Amino acid sequence: KLYGSTAVDVETEKQQLQSLLQQFIHLPTAATLQPHPMFGKLNRQQWARFMYVHLDHHLRQFSV
């Protein structure tokens, strides 16, 4: 199964990522979060940390 998109417009991809991050930030505190496929149930702080580390890895990968 292929994940992600085939879009080549970096600005569009950045806007989509920023939008998704904003949606996460503005979730109600009581919102139910989906379990991670490998790590299982994560709380809000754990999800935020995971996203930070994961995004940092990919941004470093592309020297951003």
PDB file of N, CA and C in Angstrom:
ATOM      1  N   LYS A   1       0.850  -1.190   0.000  1.00  0.00           N
ATOM      2  CA  LYS A   1       0.000   0.000   0.000  1.00  0.00           C
ATOM      3  C   LYS A   1       0.889   1.243   0.000  1.00  0.00           C
ATOM      4  N   LEU A   2       0.570   2.181  -0.855  1.00  0.00           N
ATOM      5  CA  LEU A   2       1.342   3.412  -0.971  1.00  0.00           C
ATOM      6  C   LEU A   2       0.683   4.504  -0.133  1.00  0.00           C
ATOM      7  N   TYR A   3       1.474   5.151   0.705  1.00  0.00           N
ATOM      8  CA  TYR A   3       0.961   6.245   1.536  1.00  0.00           C
ATOM      9  C   TYR A   3       1.460   7.571   0.986  1.00  0.00           C
ATOM     10  N   GLY A   4       0.784   8.636   1.355  1.00  0.00           N
ATOM     11  CA  GLY A   4       1.187   9.956   0.904  1.00  0.00           C
ATOM     12  C   GLY A   4       0.553  10.299  -0.422  1.00  0.00           C
ATOM     13  N   SER A   5       1.072  11.333  -1.016  1.00  0.00           N
ATOM     14  CA  SER A   5       0.523  11.785  -2.292  1.00  0.00           C
ATOM     15  C   SER A   5       1.621  11.797  -3.336  1.00  0.00           C
ATOM     16  N   THR A   6       1.223  11.990  -4.569  1.00  0.00           N
ATOM     17  CA  THR A   6       2.190  12.082  -5.656  1.00  0.00           C
ATOM     18  C   THR A   6       2.381  13.531  -6.080  1.00  0.00           C
ATOM     19  N   ALA A   7       1.851  14.456  -5.282  1.00  0.00           N
ATOM     20  CA  ALA A   7       1.961  15.875  -5.622  1.00  0.00           C
ATOM     21  C   ALA A   7       3.426  16.303  -5.628  1.00  0.00           C
ATOM     22  N   VAL A   8       3.765  17.211  -6.514  1.00  0.00           N
ATOM     23  CA  VAL A   8       5.133  17.703  -6.586  1.00  0.00           C
ATOM     24  C   VAL A   8       5.216  19.175  -6.204  1.00  0.00           C
ATOM     25  N   ASP A   9       4.097  19.774  -5.877  1.00  0.00           N
ATOM     26  CA  ASP A   9       4.076  21.182  -5.485  1.00  0.00           C
ATOM     27  C   ASP A   9       4.380  21.284  -3.994  1.00  0.00           C
ATOM     28  N   VAL A  10       5.607  21.634  -3.658  1.00  0.00           N
ATOM     29  CA  VAL A  10       6.058  21.674  -2.272  1.00  0.00           C
ATOM     30  C   VAL A  10       5.235  22.665  -1.458  1.00  0.00           C
ATOM     31  N   GLU A  11       4.900  23.798  -2.015  1.00  0.00           N
ATOM     32  CA  GLU A  11       4.120  24.794  -1.272  1.00  0.00           C
ATOM     33  C   GLU A  11       2.746  24.252  -0.895  1.00  0.00           C
ATOM     34  N   THR A  12       2.116  23.534  -1.796  1.00  0.00           N
ATOM     35  CA  THR A  12       0.815  22.933  -1.497  1.00  0.00           C
ATOM     36  C   THR A  12       0.966  21.898  -0.386  1.00  0.00           C
ATOM     37  N   GLU A  13       2.008  21.098  -0.467  1.00  0.00           N
ATOM     38  CA  GLU A  13       2.259  20.080   0.561  1.00  0.00           C
ATOM     39  C   GLU A  13       2.505  20.736   1.920  1.00  0.00           C
ATOM     40  N   LYS A  14       3.270  21.814   1.944  1.00  0.00           N
ATOM     41  CA  LYS A  14       3.536  22.526   3.196  1.00  0.00           C
ATOM     42  C   LYS A  14       2.246  23.078   3.787  1.00  0.00           C
ATOM     43  N   GLN A  15       1.390  23.645   2.945  1.00  0.00           N
ATOM     44  CA  GLN A  15       0.114  24.189   3.423  1.00  0.00           C
ATOM     45  C   GLN A  15      -0.770  23.089   3.992  1.00  0.00           C
ATOM     46  N   GLN A  16      -0.790  21.938   3.338  1.00  0.00           N
ATOM     47  CA  GLN A  16      -1.590  20.816   3.828  1.00  0.00           C
ATOM     48  C   GLN A  16      -1.068  20.327   5.180  1.00  0.00           C
ATOM     49  N   LEU A  17       0.243  20.244   5.316  1.00  0.00           N
ATOM     50  CA  LEU A  17       0.840  19.828   6.580  1.00  0.00           C
ATOM     51  C   LEU A  17       0.511  20.830   7.684  1.00  0.00           C
ATOM     52  N   GLN A  18       0.665  22.114   7.393  1.00  0.00           N
ATOM     53  CA  GLN A  18       0.342  23.137   8.381  1.00  0.00           C
ATOM     54  C   GLN A  18      -1.122  23.069   8.793  1.00  0.00           C
ATOM     55  N   SER A  19      -1.994  22.817   7.859  1.00  0.00           N
ATOM     56  CA  SER A  19      -3.418  22.696   8.152  1.00  0.00           C
ATOM     57  C   SER A  19      -3.680  21.507   9.076  1.00  0.00           C
ATOM     58  N   LEU A  20      -3.056  20.378   8.788  1.00  0.00           N
ATOM     59  CA  LEU A  20      -3.235  19.197   9.642  1.00  0.00           C
ATOM     60  C   LEU A  20      -2.695  19.429  11.051  1.00  0.00           C
ATOM     61  N   LEU A  21      -1.563  20.099  11.149  1.00  0.00           N
ATOM     62  CA  LEU A  21      -1.004  20.402  12.466  1.00  0.00           C
ATOM     63  C   LEU A  21      -1.922  21.347  13.244  1.00  0.00           C
ATOM     64  N   GLN A  22      -2.485  22.333  12.567  1.00  0.00           N
ATOM     65  CA  GLN A  22      -3.423  23.252  13.213  1.00  0.00           C
ATOM     66  C   GLN A  22      -4.672  22.514  13.699  1.00  0.00           C
ATOM     67  N   GLN A  23      -5.144  21.579  12.905  1.00  0.00           N
ATOM     68  CA  GLN A  23      -6.316  20.793  13.310  1.00  0.00           C
ATOM     69  C   GLN A  23      -6.010  20.017  14.591  1.00  0.00           C
ATOM     70  N   PHE A  24      -4.820  19.439  14.660  1.00  0.00           N
ATOM     71  CA  PHE A  24      -4.429  18.700  15.863  1.00  0.00           C
ATOM     72  C   PHE A  24      -4.341  19.637  17.061  1.00  0.00           C
ATOM     73  N   ILE A  25      -3.697  20.778  16.878  1.00  0.00           N
ATOM     74  CA  ILE A  25      -3.517  21.740  17.966  1.00  0.00           C
ATOM     75  C   ILE A  25      -4.858  22.187  18.536  1.00  0.00           C
ATOM     76  N   HIS A  26      -5.839  22.357  17.672  1.00  0.00           N
ATOM     77  CA  HIS A  26      -7.133  22.894  18.093  1.00  0.00           C
ATOM     78  C   HIS A  26      -8.170  21.822  18.438  1.00  0.00           C
ATOM     79  N   LEU A  27      -7.749  20.569  18.506  1.00  0.00           N
ATOM     80  CA  LEU A  27      -8.679  19.532  18.947  1.00  0.00           C
ATOM     81  C   LEU A  27      -9.106  19.812  20.386  1.00  0.00           C
ATOM     82  N   PRO A  28     -10.356  19.562  20.709  1.00  0.00           N
ATOM     83  CA  PRO A  28     -10.769  19.717  22.109  1.00  0.00           C
ATOM     84  C   PRO A  28      -9.941  18.798  23.010  1.00  0.00           C
ATOM     85  N   THR A  29      -9.680  19.239  24.214  1.00  0.00           N
ATOM     86  CA  THR A  29      -8.874  18.467  25.150  1.00  0.00           C
ATOM     87  C   THR A  29      -9.442  17.058  25.350  1.00  0.00           C
ATOM     88  N   ALA A  30     -10.751  16.937  25.338  1.00  0.00           N
ATOM     89  CA  ALA A  30     -11.396  15.643  25.573  1.00  0.00           C
ATOM     90  C   ALA A  30     -11.517  14.794  24.301  1.00  0.00           C
ATOM     91  N   ALA A  31     -10.968  15.259  23.196  1.00  0.00           N
ATOM     92  CA  ALA A  31     -11.087  14.518  21.935  1.00  0.00           C
ATOM     93  C   ALA A  31     -10.436  13.138  22.057  1.00  0.00           C
ATOM     94  N   THR A  32     -11.066  12.155  21.443  1.00  0.00           N
ATOM     95  CA  THR A  32     -10.517  10.807  21.411  1.00  0.00           C
ATOM     96  C   THR A  32      -9.523  10.709  20.261  1.00  0.00           C
ATOM     97  N   LEU A  33      -8.303  10.310  20.579  1.00  0.00           N
ATOM     98  CA  LEU A  33      -7.261  10.189  19.568  1.00  0.00           C
ATOM     99  C   LEU A  33      -7.172   8.741  19.096  1.00  0.00           C
ATOM    100  N   GLN A  34      -6.919   8.572  17.822  1.00  0.00           N
ATOM    101  CA  GLN A  34      -6.779   7.232  17.257  1.00  0.00           C
ATOM    102  C   GLN A  34      -5.477   6.603  17.756  1.00  0.00           C
ATOM    103  N   PRO A  35      -5.473   5.300  17.978  1.00  0.00           N
ATOM    104  CA  PRO A  35      -4.212   4.651  18.374  1.00  0.00           C
ATOM    105  C   PRO A  35      -3.230   4.643  17.211  1.00  0.00           C
ATOM    106  N   HIS A  36      -1.956   4.700  17.540  1.00  0.00           N
ATOM    107  CA  HIS A  36      -0.901   4.611  16.535  1.00  0.00           C
ATOM    108  C   HIS A  36      -0.819   3.151  16.083  1.00  0.00           C
ATOM    109  N   PRO A  37      -0.605   2.907  14.782  1.00  0.00           N
ATOM    110  CA  PRO A  37      -0.563   1.526  14.279  1.00  0.00           C
ATOM    111  C   PRO A  37       0.491   0.634  14.955  1.00  0.00           C
ATOM    112  N   MET A  38       1.617   1.210  15.365  1.00  0.00           N
ATOM    113  CA  MET A  38       2.672   0.408  15.999  1.00  0.00           C
ATOM    114  C   MET A  38       2.736   0.600  17.514  1.00  0.00           C
ATOM    115  N   PHE A  39       2.515   1.824  17.977  1.00  0.00           N
ATOM    116  CA  PHE A  39       2.718   2.148  19.386  1.00  0.00           C
ATOM    117  C   PHE A  39       1.445   2.068  20.216  1.00  0.00           C
ATOM    118  N   GLY A  40       0.319   1.888  19.559  1.00  0.00           N
ATOM    119  CA  GLY A  40      -0.945   1.762  20.285  1.00  0.00           C
ATOM    120  C   GLY A  40      -1.470   3.100  20.789  1.00  0.00           C
ATOM    121  N   LYS A  41      -2.140   3.042  21.933  1.00  0.00           N
ATOM    122  CA  LYS A  41      -2.785   4.225  22.487  1.00  0.00           C
ATOM    123  C   LYS A  41      -1.737   5.231  22.977  1.00  0.00           C
ATOM    124  N   LEU A  42      -1.846   6.455  22.480  1.00  0.00           N
ATOM    125  CA  LEU A  42      -0.967   7.545  22.898  1.00  0.00           C
ATOM    126  C   LEU A  42      -1.832   8.686  23.409  1.00  0.00           C
ATOM    127  N   ASN A  43      -1.351   9.374  24.449  1.00  0.00           N
ATOM    128  CA  ASN A  43      -2.084  10.558  24.897  1.00  0.00           C
ATOM    129  C   ASN A  43      -1.687  11.746  24.015  1.00  0.00           C
ATOM    130  N   ARG A  44      -2.312  12.872  24.250  1.00  0.00           N
ATOM    131  CA  ARG A  44      -2.090  14.064  23.425  1.00  0.00           C
ATOM    132  C   ARG A  44      -0.613  14.482  23.406  1.00  0.00           C
ATOM    133  N   GLN A  45       0.013  14.473  24.574  1.00  0.00           N
ATOM    134  CA  GLN A  45       1.419  14.879  24.667  1.00  0.00           C
ATOM    135  C   GLN A  45       2.313  13.887  23.916  1.00  0.00           C
ATOM    136  N   GLN A  46       2.032  12.612  24.028  1.00  0.00           N
ATOM    137  CA  GLN A  46       2.817  11.598  23.321  1.00  0.00           C
ATOM    138  C   GLN A  46       2.662  11.735  21.809  1.00  0.00           C
ATOM    139  N   TRP A  47       1.426  11.998  21.347  1.00  0.00           N
ATOM    140  CA  TRP A  47       1.207  12.206  19.912  1.00  0.00           C
ATOM    141  C   TRP A  47       1.993  13.428  19.433  1.00  0.00           C
ATOM    142  N   ALA A  48       1.939  14.509  20.195  1.00  0.00           N
ATOM    143  CA  ALA A  48       2.643  15.735  19.806  1.00  0.00           C
ATOM    144  C   ALA A  48       4.148  15.477  19.703  1.00  0.00           C
ATOM    145  N   ARG A  49       4.707  14.774  20.683  1.00  0.00           N
ATOM    146  CA  ARG A  49       6.137  14.468  20.671  1.00  0.00           C
ATOM    147  C   ARG A  49       6.493  13.582  19.474  1.00  0.00           C
ATOM    148  N   PHE A  50       5.664  12.576  19.224  1.00  0.00           N
ATOM    149  CA  PHE A  50       5.900  11.679  18.094  1.00  0.00           C
ATOM    150  C   PHE A  50       5.899  12.464  16.782  1.00  0.00           C
ATOM    151  N   MET A  51       4.912  13.346  16.607  1.00  0.00           N
ATOM    152  CA  MET A  51       4.843  14.132  15.364  1.00  0.00           C
ATOM    153  C   MET A  51       6.059  15.033  15.218  1.00  0.00           C
ATOM    154  N   TYR A  52       6.484  15.655  16.327  1.00  0.00           N
ATOM    155  CA  TYR A  52       7.666  16.521  16.284  1.00  0.00           C
ATOM    156  C   TYR A  52       8.900  15.731  15.828  1.00  0.00           C
ATOM    157  N   VAL A  53       9.146  14.596  16.462  1.00  0.00           N
ATOM    158  CA  VAL A  53      10.331  13.795  16.135  1.00  0.00           C
ATOM    159  C   VAL A  53      10.255  13.302  14.691  1.00  0.00           C
ATOM    160  N   HIS A  54       9.085  12.851  14.283  1.00  0.00           N
ATOM    161  CA  HIS A  54       8.911  12.322  12.931  1.00  0.00           C
ATOM    162  C   HIS A  54       9.115  13.412  11.871  1.00  0.00           C
ATOM    163  N   LEU A  55       8.500  14.577  12.091  1.00  0.00           N
ATOM    164  CA  LEU A  55       8.667  15.674  11.134  1.00  0.00           C
ATOM    165  C   LEU A  55      10.105  16.171  11.104  1.00  0.00           C
ATOM    166  N   ASP A  56      10.734  16.262  12.276  1.00  0.00           N
ATOM    167  CA  ASP A  56      12.123  16.697  12.340  1.00  0.00           C
ATOM    168  C   ASP A  56      13.009  15.756  11.524  1.00  0.00           C
ATOM    169  N   HIS A  57      12.760  14.463  11.649  1.00  0.00           N
ATOM    170  CA  HIS A  57      13.523  13.473  10.880  1.00  0.00           C
ATOM    171  C   HIS A  57      13.407  13.742   9.378  1.00  0.00           C
ATOM    172  N   HIS A  58      12.186  13.951   8.901  1.00  0.00           N
ATOM    173  CA  HIS A  58      12.000  14.153   7.462  1.00  0.00           C
ATOM    174  C   HIS A  58      12.517  15.506   6.996  1.00  0.00           C
ATOM    175  N   LEU A  59      12.371  16.543   7.811  1.00  0.00           N
ATOM    176  CA  LEU A  59      12.899  17.850   7.408  1.00  0.00           C
ATOM    177  C   LEU A  59      14.431  17.811   7.330  1.00  0.00           C
ATOM    178  N   ARG A  60      15.066  17.109   8.249  1.00  0.00           N
ATOM    179  CA  ARG A  60      16.524  16.955   8.189  1.00  0.00           C
ATOM    180  C   ARG A  60      16.926  16.132   6.964  1.00  0.00           C
ATOM    181  N   GLN A  61      16.096  15.158   6.626  1.00  0.00           N
ATOM    182  CA  GLN A  61      16.356  14.306   5.472  1.00  0.00           C
ATOM    183  C   GLN A  61      16.473  15.141   4.200  1.00  0.00           C
ATOM    184  N   PHE A  62      15.662  16.197   4.123  1.00  0.00           N
ATOM    185  CA  PHE A  62      15.655  17.049   2.930  1.00  0.00           C
ATOM    186  C   PHE A  62      16.352  18.386   3.164  1.00  0.00           C
ATOM    187  N   SER A  63      17.113  18.476   4.262  1.00  0.00           N
ATOM    188  CA  SER A  63      17.891  19.676   4.598  1.00  0.00           C
ATOM    189  C   SER A  63      17.026  20.926   4.622  1.00  0.00           C
ATOM    190  N   VAL A  64      15.870  20.827   5.244  1.00  0.00           N
ATOM    191  CA  VAL A  64      14.964  21.985   5.351  1.00  0.00           C
ATOM    192  C   VAL A  64      15.210  22.668   6.669  1.00  0.00           C
TER     193      VAL A  64
END
